[in-house]
Amino acid sequence: MLEIENINAYYGDSHILHGVSLSVGEGEIVCLLGRNGAGKTTTILTVMGYLQPRPGRIRYRDRDISGLPPYAMARLGFGFVPQERGIFPSLSVRENLTVFARAGGKGFWTLQRVFDLFPVLRARERNFGFQLSGGEQQMLSIARALMLNPTMLLLDEPSEGLAPMIVQQIIEVLARLKQEGLAILLVEQSLRTAFAVGDRHHVLNKGEICFSGSAAELENNEFVLRNYLSV
């Protein structure tokens, strides 16, 4: 479904990604792991078109989408949940969701379906974004991306800074989305979250993938856990 082939990325003259390759299949959750500064967010921003691969190629359903701008990626079916959440603080929960809804509202993810997935948002639908807790803001950010009715969802550390109970809710939501057939590329630092939902895992170090495998393979690889994932 999504194929990232040997992408390199730069911030100015700084070479951040060095030949990163991975794929995400339909109904699959693929996790990108690594310490801060490893290149995880840069990878997801390059896929979304905020950065240009130089060189490298990104393909989606056998179409070369390398370098397409973010709005074109959204139209192709990409939903993006950024690390900073990016909700509108002066809009209500309902307004944050409806402003992102696809024209016509005939997709699978309607306002009511989103509220069924996130009951707390239904209870808070008249509250403004700035009145929500951190966990509620994260749920709103995911829900807002779903209102685009994506076929591919990219999430940048959705469990960061959240209480364990909220992290468990996020895990349950991701598992539900996987059951619905949504393809997900998940950037994470939390091994708990990654192991709970991920089908395959890639570990980044200094802009290069240093490990690829299943959760069981990663859990049994003490060298990778110690050298590239421990704090």
C-alpha atoms as a PDB file:
ATOM      1  CA  MET A   1       0.000   0.000   0.000  1.00  0.00           C
ATOM      2  CA  LEU A   2       2.682   2.496   1.090  1.00  0.00           C
ATOM      3  CA  GLU A   3       6.274   1.946   0.059  1.00  0.00           C
ATOM      4  CA  ILE A   4       9.135   4.173   1.171  1.00  0.00           C
ATOM      5  CA  GLU A   5      12.235   3.465  -0.886  1.00  0.00           C
ATOM      6  CA  ASN A   6      15.688   4.671   0.098  1.00  0.00           C
ATOM      7  CA  ILE A   7      14.631   8.179   1.128  1.00  0.00           C
ATOM      8  CA  ASN A   8      17.105  10.807   2.248  1.00  0.00           C
ATOM      9  CA  ALA A   9      16.005  14.058   3.866  1.00  0.00           C
ATOM     10  CA  TYR A  10      17.682  17.294   4.877  1.00  0.00           C
ATOM     11  CA  TYR A  11      17.058  20.290   7.105  1.00  0.00           C
ATOM     12  CA  GLY A  12      19.034  22.914   5.247  1.00  0.00           C
ATOM     13  CA  ASP A  13      22.485  21.391   4.827  1.00  0.00           C
ATOM     14  CA  SER A  14      21.983  18.869   7.645  1.00  0.00           C
ATOM     15  CA  HIS A  15      21.559  15.337   6.303  1.00  0.00           C
ATOM     16  CA  ILE A  16      18.953  13.716   8.601  1.00  0.00           C
ATOM     17  CA  LEU A  17      17.656  10.556   6.869  1.00  0.00           C
ATOM     18  CA  HIS A  18      20.055   8.145   5.194  1.00  0.00           C
ATOM     19  CA  GLY A  19      18.363   5.664   2.860  1.00  0.00           C
ATOM     20  CA  VAL A  20      15.265   4.817   4.917  1.00  0.00           C
ATOM     21  CA  SER A  21      13.071   2.099   3.393  1.00  0.00           C
ATOM     22  CA  LEU A  22       9.907   0.517   4.778  1.00  0.00           C
ATOM     23  CA  SER A  23       6.395  -0.475   3.747  1.00  0.00           C
ATOM     24  CA  VAL A  24       2.914  -0.487   5.262  1.00  0.00           C
ATOM     25  CA  GLY A  25       0.266  -2.908   4.038  1.00  0.00           C
ATOM     26  CA  GLU A  26      -3.496  -2.559   4.152  1.00  0.00           C
ATOM     27  CA  GLY A  27      -4.861  -3.142   7.663  1.00  0.00           C
ATOM     28  CA  GLU A  28      -1.356  -3.210   9.126  1.00  0.00           C
ATOM     29  CA  ILE A  29       0.242  -1.168  11.903  1.00  0.00           C
ATOM     30  CA  VAL A  30       3.940  -0.539  11.336  1.00  0.00           C
ATOM     31  CA  CYS A  31       5.866   1.158  14.147  1.00  0.00           C
ATOM     32  CA  LEU A  32       8.871   3.432  13.789  1.00  0.00           C
ATOM     33  CA  LEU A  33      10.863   3.466  17.013  1.00  0.00           C
ATOM     34  CA  GLY A  34      13.968   5.241  18.266  1.00  0.00           C
ATOM     35  CA  ARG A  35      15.323   7.814  20.644  1.00  0.00           C
ATOM     36  CA  ASN A  36      14.740  11.539  20.296  1.00  0.00           C
ATOM     37  CA  GLY A  37      16.617  12.877  17.278  1.00  0.00           C
ATOM     38  CA  ALA A  38      16.777   9.496  15.532  1.00  0.00           C
ATOM     39  CA  GLY A  39      14.779  10.743  12.529  1.00  0.00           C
ATOM     40  CA  LYS A  40      11.309   9.371  13.279  1.00  0.00           C
ATOM     41  CA  THR A  41       9.403  12.638  12.898  1.00  0.00           C
ATOM     42  CA  THR A  42      11.514  13.578   9.885  1.00  0.00           C
ATOM     43  CA  THR A  43      10.446  10.322   8.214  1.00  0.00           C
ATOM     44  CA  ILE A  44       6.768  10.958   8.755  1.00  0.00           C
ATOM     45  CA  LEU A  45       7.069  14.619   7.655  1.00  0.00           C
ATOM     46  CA  THR A  46       8.815  13.505   4.470  1.00  0.00           C
ATOM     47  CA  VAL A  47       6.041  11.024   3.707  1.00  0.00           C
ATOM     48  CA  MET A  48       3.438  13.762   4.242  1.00  0.00           C
ATOM     49  CA  GLY A  49       5.216  16.168   1.891  1.00  0.00           C
ATOM     50  CA  TYR A  50       6.460  18.719   4.413  1.00  0.00           C
ATOM     51  CA  LEU A  51       9.998  17.740   3.402  1.00  0.00           C
ATOM     52  CA  GLN A  52      11.226  16.549   0.009  1.00  0.00           C
ATOM     53  CA  PRO A  53      13.087  13.230  -0.329  1.00  0.00           C
ATOM     54  CA  ARG A  54      16.539  13.966  -1.800  1.00  0.00           C
ATOM     55  CA  PRO A  55      16.852  11.373  -3.249  1.00  0.00           C
ATOM     56  CA  GLY A  56      14.397   8.554  -2.690  1.00  0.00           C
ATOM     57  CA  ARG A  57      10.914   7.518  -3.721  1.00  0.00           C
ATOM     58  CA  ILE A  58       7.558   7.198  -1.970  1.00  0.00           C
ATOM     59  CA  ARG A  59       4.839   5.100  -3.589  1.00  0.00           C
ATOM     60  CA  TYR A  60       1.206   4.717  -2.607  1.00  0.00           C
ATOM     61  CA  ARG A  61      -0.918   2.076  -4.295  1.00  0.00           C
ATOM     62  CA  ASP A  62       1.676   1.811  -7.084  1.00  0.00           C
ATOM     63  CA  ARG A  63       1.675   5.577  -7.687  1.00  0.00           C
ATOM     64  CA  ASP A  64       4.785   7.695  -7.197  1.00  0.00           C
ATOM     65  CA  ILE A  65       3.798  10.399  -4.700  1.00  0.00           C
ATOM     66  CA  SER A  66       7.293  11.665  -3.876  1.00  0.00           C
ATOM     67  CA  GLY A  67       7.259  15.370  -3.146  1.00  0.00           C
ATOM     68  CA  LEU A  68       3.488  15.904  -3.279  1.00  0.00           C
ATOM     69  CA  PRO A  69       2.392  18.738  -0.941  1.00  0.00           C
ATOM     70  CA  PRO A  70       0.473  17.914   2.269  1.00  0.00           C
ATOM     71  CA  TYR A  71      -2.924  18.996   0.898  1.00  0.00           C
ATOM     72  CA  ALA A  72      -2.519  16.598  -2.032  1.00  0.00           C
ATOM     73  CA  MET A  73      -1.575  13.797   0.363  1.00  0.00           C
ATOM     74  CA  ALA A  74      -4.762  14.435   2.346  1.00  0.00           C
ATOM     75  CA  ARG A  75      -6.807  14.208  -0.846  1.00  0.00           C
ATOM     76  CA  LEU A  76      -5.148  10.879  -1.654  1.00  0.00           C
ATOM     77  CA  GLY A  77      -6.340   9.425   1.648  1.00  0.00           C
ATOM     78  CA  PHE A  78      -3.633  10.274   4.172  1.00  0.00           C
ATOM     79  CA  GLY A  79      -4.624  11.344   7.683  1.00  0.00           C
ATOM     80  CA  PHE A  80      -1.908  12.901   9.844  1.00  0.00           C
ATOM     81  CA  VAL A  81      -1.862  13.231  13.634  1.00  0.00           C
ATOM     82  CA  PRO A  82       1.106  15.500  14.496  1.00  0.00           C
ATOM     83  CA  GLN A  83       3.102  15.295  17.690  1.00  0.00           C
ATOM     84  CA  GLU A  84       1.890  18.733  18.805  1.00  0.00           C
ATOM     85  CA  ARG A  85      -1.757  17.656  18.122  1.00  0.00           C
ATOM     86  CA  GLY A  86      -2.581  20.860  16.222  1.00  0.00           C
ATOM     87  CA  ILE A  87      -6.197  21.253  17.289  1.00  0.00           C
ATOM     88  CA  PHE A  88      -7.896  24.658  17.082  1.00  0.00           C
ATOM     89  CA  PRO A  89      -8.090  25.902  20.707  1.00  0.00           C
ATOM     90  CA  SER A  90     -10.773  28.533  20.002  1.00  0.00           C
ATOM     91  CA  LEU A  91     -13.134  26.082  18.265  1.00  0.00           C
ATOM     92  CA  SER A  92     -15.434  23.620  19.994  1.00  0.00           C
ATOM     93  CA  VAL A  93     -14.872  19.880  19.759  1.00  0.00           C
ATOM     94  CA  ARG A  94     -17.707  19.608  17.241  1.00  0.00           C
ATOM     95  CA  GLU A  95     -16.298  22.474  15.159  1.00  0.00           C
ATOM     96  CA  ASN A  96     -12.798  20.975  15.207  1.00  0.00           C
ATOM     97  CA  LEU A  97     -14.289  17.787  13.760  1.00  0.00           C
ATOM     98  CA  THR A  98     -16.743  19.160  11.218  1.00  0.00           C
ATOM     99  CA  VAL A  99     -14.267  21.608   9.714  1.00  0.00           C
ATOM    100  CA  PHE A 100     -12.231  18.591   8.586  1.00  0.00           C
ATOM    101  CA  ALA A 101     -15.124  16.462   7.345  1.00  0.00           C
ATOM    102  CA  ARG A 102     -15.092  15.379   3.737  1.00  0.00           C
ATOM    103  CA  ALA A 103     -17.555  17.245   1.544  1.00  0.00           C
ATOM    104  CA  GLY A 104     -20.867  15.393   1.383  1.00  0.00           C
ATOM    105  CA  GLY A 105     -20.219  13.496   4.611  1.00  0.00           C
ATOM    106  CA  LYS A 106     -20.744  10.077   2.970  1.00  0.00           C
ATOM    107  CA  GLY A 107     -17.545   8.439   4.181  1.00  0.00           C
ATOM    108  CA  PHE A 108     -17.282   5.710   6.804  1.00  0.00           C
ATOM    109  CA  TRP A 109     -16.118   8.106   9.517  1.00  0.00           C
ATOM    110  CA  THR A 110     -19.007  10.395  10.300  1.00  0.00           C
ATOM    111  CA  LEU A 111     -19.387  12.594  13.359  1.00  0.00           C
ATOM    112  CA  GLN A 112     -21.530   9.965  15.071  1.00  0.00           C
ATOM    113  CA  ARG A 113     -19.060   7.151  14.361  1.00  0.00           C
ATOM    114  CA  VAL A 114     -16.230   9.262  15.735  1.00  0.00           C
ATOM    115  CA  PHE A 115     -18.266   9.994  18.858  1.00  0.00           C
ATOM    116  CA  ASP A 116     -18.955   6.257  19.216  1.00  0.00           C
ATOM    117  CA  LEU A 117     -15.181   5.635  19.098  1.00  0.00           C
ATOM    118  CA  PHE A 118     -14.444   8.487  21.514  1.00  0.00           C
ATOM    119  CA  PRO A 119     -17.411   8.826  23.926  1.00  0.00           C
ATOM    120  CA  VAL A 120     -15.537  11.468  25.915  1.00  0.00           C
ATOM    121  CA  LEU A 121     -15.614  13.759  22.875  1.00  0.00           C
ATOM    122  CA  ARG A 122     -19.390  13.396  22.624  1.00  0.00           C
ATOM    123  CA  ALA A 123     -19.645  14.458  26.252  1.00  0.00           C
ATOM    124  CA  ARG A 124     -17.346  17.420  25.569  1.00  0.00           C
ATOM    125  CA  GLU A 125     -18.548  18.378  22.100  1.00  0.00           C
ATOM    126  CA  ARG A 126     -19.488  21.940  23.116  1.00  0.00           C
ATOM    127  CA  ASN A 127     -16.216  22.578  24.948  1.00  0.00           C
ATOM    128  CA  PHE A 128     -13.455  24.568  23.288  1.00  0.00           C
ATOM    129  CA  GLY A 129     -10.152  22.955  22.419  1.00  0.00           C
ATOM    130  CA  PHE A 130      -8.254  24.834  25.124  1.00  0.00           C
ATOM    131  CA  GLN A 131     -10.654  23.462  27.759  1.00  0.00           C
ATOM    132  CA  LEU A 132      -9.687  19.837  27.084  1.00  0.00           C
ATOM    133  CA  SER A 133      -7.129  17.794  28.986  1.00  0.00           C
ATOM    134  CA  GLY A 134      -4.023  16.542  27.208  1.00  0.00           C
ATOM    135  CA  GLY A 135      -5.568  13.119  26.689  1.00  0.00           C
ATOM    136  CA  GLU A 136      -8.786  14.599  25.346  1.00  0.00           C
ATOM    137  CA  GLN A 137      -6.817  16.812  22.965  1.00  0.00           C
ATOM    138  CA  GLN A 138      -4.974  13.744  21.677  1.00  0.00           C
ATOM    139  CA  MET A 139      -8.249  11.920  21.108  1.00  0.00           C
ATOM    140  CA  LEU A 140      -9.610  14.964  19.293  1.00  0.00           C
ATOM    141  CA  SER A 141      -6.519  15.088  17.074  1.00  0.00           C
ATOM    142  CA  ILE A 142      -6.988  11.432  16.071  1.00  0.00           C
ATOM    143  CA  ALA A 143     -10.738  11.910  15.596  1.00  0.00           C
ATOM    144  CA  ARG A 144     -10.154  14.960  13.419  1.00  0.00           C
ATOM    145  CA  ALA A 145      -7.828  12.973  11.149  1.00  0.00           C
ATOM    146  CA  LEU A 146     -10.480  10.257  10.850  1.00  0.00           C
ATOM    147  CA  MET A 147     -13.042  12.822   9.657  1.00  0.00           C
ATOM    148  CA  LEU A 148     -10.986  13.017   6.453  1.00  0.00           C
ATOM    149  CA  ASN A 149     -11.922   9.339   5.963  1.00  0.00           C
ATOM    150  CA  PRO A 150      -8.343   8.282   5.311  1.00  0.00           C
ATOM    151  CA  THR A 151      -7.116   4.920   4.102  1.00  0.00           C
ATOM    152  CA  MET A 152      -3.678   5.562   5.611  1.00  0.00           C
ATOM    153  CA  LEU A 153      -3.131   7.111   9.053  1.00  0.00           C
ATOM    154  CA  LEU A 154       0.191   8.528  10.220  1.00  0.00           C
ATOM    155  CA  LEU A 155       0.587   9.233  13.949  1.00  0.00           C
ATOM    156  CA  ASP A 156       3.547  10.944  15.592  1.00  0.00           C
ATOM    157  CA  GLU A 157       3.941   9.755  19.210  1.00  0.00           C
ATOM    158  CA  PRO A 158       0.247   9.761  20.200  1.00  0.00           C
ATOM    159  CA  SER A 159       0.962   8.413  23.700  1.00  0.00           C
ATOM    160  CA  GLU A 160       3.604  10.997  24.624  1.00  0.00           C
ATOM    161  CA  GLY A 161       3.038  12.642  28.001  1.00  0.00           C
ATOM    162  CA  LEU A 162      -0.254  10.888  28.701  1.00  0.00           C
ATOM    163  CA  ALA A 163      -1.317   9.053  31.853  1.00  0.00           C
ATOM    164  CA  PRO A 164      -1.213   5.223  31.670  1.00  0.00           C
ATOM    165  CA  MET A 165      -5.023   4.993  31.668  1.00  0.00           C
ATOM    166  CA  ILE A 166      -5.244   7.335  28.651  1.00  0.00           C
ATOM    167  CA  VAL A 167      -2.430   5.463  26.886  1.00  0.00           C
ATOM    168  CA  GLN A 168      -4.475   2.263  27.269  1.00  0.00           C
ATOM    169  CA  GLN A 169      -7.449   3.999  25.665  1.00  0.00           C
ATOM    170  CA  ILE A 170      -5.254   5.110  22.766  1.00  0.00           C
ATOM    171  CA  ILE A 171      -4.019   1.514  22.361  1.00  0.00           C
ATOM    172  CA  GLU A 172      -7.608   0.260  22.247  1.00  0.00           C
ATOM    173  CA  VAL A 173      -8.513   2.877  19.640  1.00  0.00           C
ATOM    174  CA  LEU A 174      -5.563   1.913  17.430  1.00  0.00           C
ATOM    175  CA  ALA A 175      -6.515  -1.769  17.694  1.00  0.00           C
ATOM    176  CA  ARG A 176     -10.077  -0.887  16.659  1.00  0.00           C
ATOM    177  CA  LEU A 177      -8.836   1.135  13.671  1.00  0.00           C
ATOM    178  CA  LYS A 178      -6.700  -1.798  12.604  1.00  0.00           C
ATOM    179  CA  GLN A 179      -9.759  -4.054  12.730  1.00  0.00           C
ATOM    180  CA  GLU A 180     -11.531  -1.548  10.469  1.00  0.00           C
ATOM    181  CA  GLY A 181      -8.791  -2.123   7.878  1.00  0.00           C
ATOM    182  CA  LEU A 182      -6.964   1.169   8.258  1.00  0.00           C
ATOM    183  CA  ALA A 183      -3.248   1.119   7.450  1.00  0.00           C
ATOM    184  CA  ILE A 184      -1.215   2.900  10.132  1.00  0.00           C
ATOM    185  CA  LEU A 185       2.352   4.164  10.329  1.00  0.00           C
ATOM    186  CA  LEU A 186       2.965   4.821  14.023  1.00  0.00           C
ATOM    187  CA  VAL A 187       5.927   6.796  15.330  1.00  0.00           C
ATOM    188  CA  GLU A 188       6.480   5.912  18.983  1.00  0.00           C
ATOM    189  CA  GLN A 189       8.931   5.969  21.848  1.00  0.00           C
ATOM    190  CA  SER A 190       6.703   3.888  24.117  1.00  0.00           C
ATOM    191  CA  LEU A 191       7.527   0.201  23.671  1.00  0.00           C
ATOM    192  CA  ARG A 192       4.364  -0.658  25.584  1.00  0.00           C
ATOM    193  CA  THR A 193       2.226   1.030  22.944  1.00  0.00           C
ATOM    194  CA  ALA A 194       4.243  -0.316  20.026  1.00  0.00           C
ATOM    195  CA  PHE A 195       4.260  -3.911  21.241  1.00  0.00           C
ATOM    196  CA  ALA A 196       0.536  -3.781  22.017  1.00  0.00           C
ATOM    197  CA  VAL A 197      -0.561  -2.824  18.491  1.00  0.00           C
ATOM    198  CA  GLY A 198       2.323  -3.147  16.023  1.00  0.00           C
ATOM    199  CA  ASP A 199       2.607  -5.868  13.388  1.00  0.00           C
ATOM    200  CA  ARG A 200       6.146  -4.909  12.414  1.00  0.00           C
ATOM    201  CA  HIS A 201       8.749  -2.616  13.939  1.00  0.00           C
ATOM    202  CA  HIS A 202      11.607  -0.550  12.542  1.00  0.00           C
ATOM    203  CA  VAL A 203      14.193   1.054  14.808  1.00  0.00           C
ATOM    204  CA  LEU A 204      15.898   4.233  13.665  1.00  0.00           C
ATOM    205  CA  ASN A 205      19.309   5.437  14.805  1.00  0.00           C
ATOM    206  CA  LYS A 206      20.952   8.560  13.426  1.00  0.00           C
ATOM    207  CA  GLY A 207      18.632   8.557  10.419  1.00  0.00           C
ATOM    208  CA  GLU A 208      19.166   4.920   9.470  1.00  0.00           C
ATOM    209  CA  ILE A 209      17.094   1.809  10.135  1.00  0.00           C
ATOM    210  CA  CYS A 210      19.159  -0.465  12.354  1.00  0.00           C
ATOM    211  CA  PHE A 211      16.507  -3.127  13.037  1.00  0.00           C
ATOM    212  CA  SER A 212      13.389  -4.464  11.321  1.00  0.00           C
ATOM    213  CA  GLY A 213      11.237  -7.276  12.650  1.00  0.00           C
ATOM    214  CA  SER A 214       8.288  -8.454  14.722  1.00  0.00           C
ATOM    215  CA  ALA A 215       7.541  -7.503  18.322  1.00  0.00           C
ATOM    216  CA  ALA A 216       8.819 -10.894  19.502  1.00  0.00           C
ATOM    217  CA  GLU A 217      12.071 -10.461  17.573  1.00  0.00           C
ATOM    218  CA  LEU A 218      12.577  -6.992  18.998  1.00  0.00           C
ATOM    219  CA  GLU A 219      11.754  -8.060  22.559  1.00  0.00           C
ATOM    220  CA  ASN A 220      14.411 -10.774  22.303  1.00  0.00           C
ATOM    221  CA  ASN A 221      17.081  -8.495  20.821  1.00  0.00           C
ATOM    222  CA  GLU A 222      18.910  -7.193  23.881  1.00  0.00           C
ATOM    223  CA  PHE A 223      21.531  -5.397  21.780  1.00  0.00           C
ATOM    224  CA  VAL A 224      18.965  -3.232  19.971  1.00  0.00           C
ATOM    225  CA  LEU A 225      16.934  -2.587  23.126  1.00  0.00           C
ATOM    226  CA  ARG A 226      19.996  -1.583  25.104  1.00  0.00           C
ATOM    227  CA  ASN A 227      21.826   0.459  22.481  1.00  0.00           C
ATOM    228  CA  TYR A 228      19.038   2.127  20.511  1.00  0.00           C
ATOM    229  CA  LEU A 229      15.897   2.229  22.652  1.00  0.00           C
ATOM    230  CA  SER A 230      16.901   2.500  26.306  1.00  0.00           C
ATOM    231  CA  VAL A 231      16.863   5.945  27.918  1.00  0.00           C
END
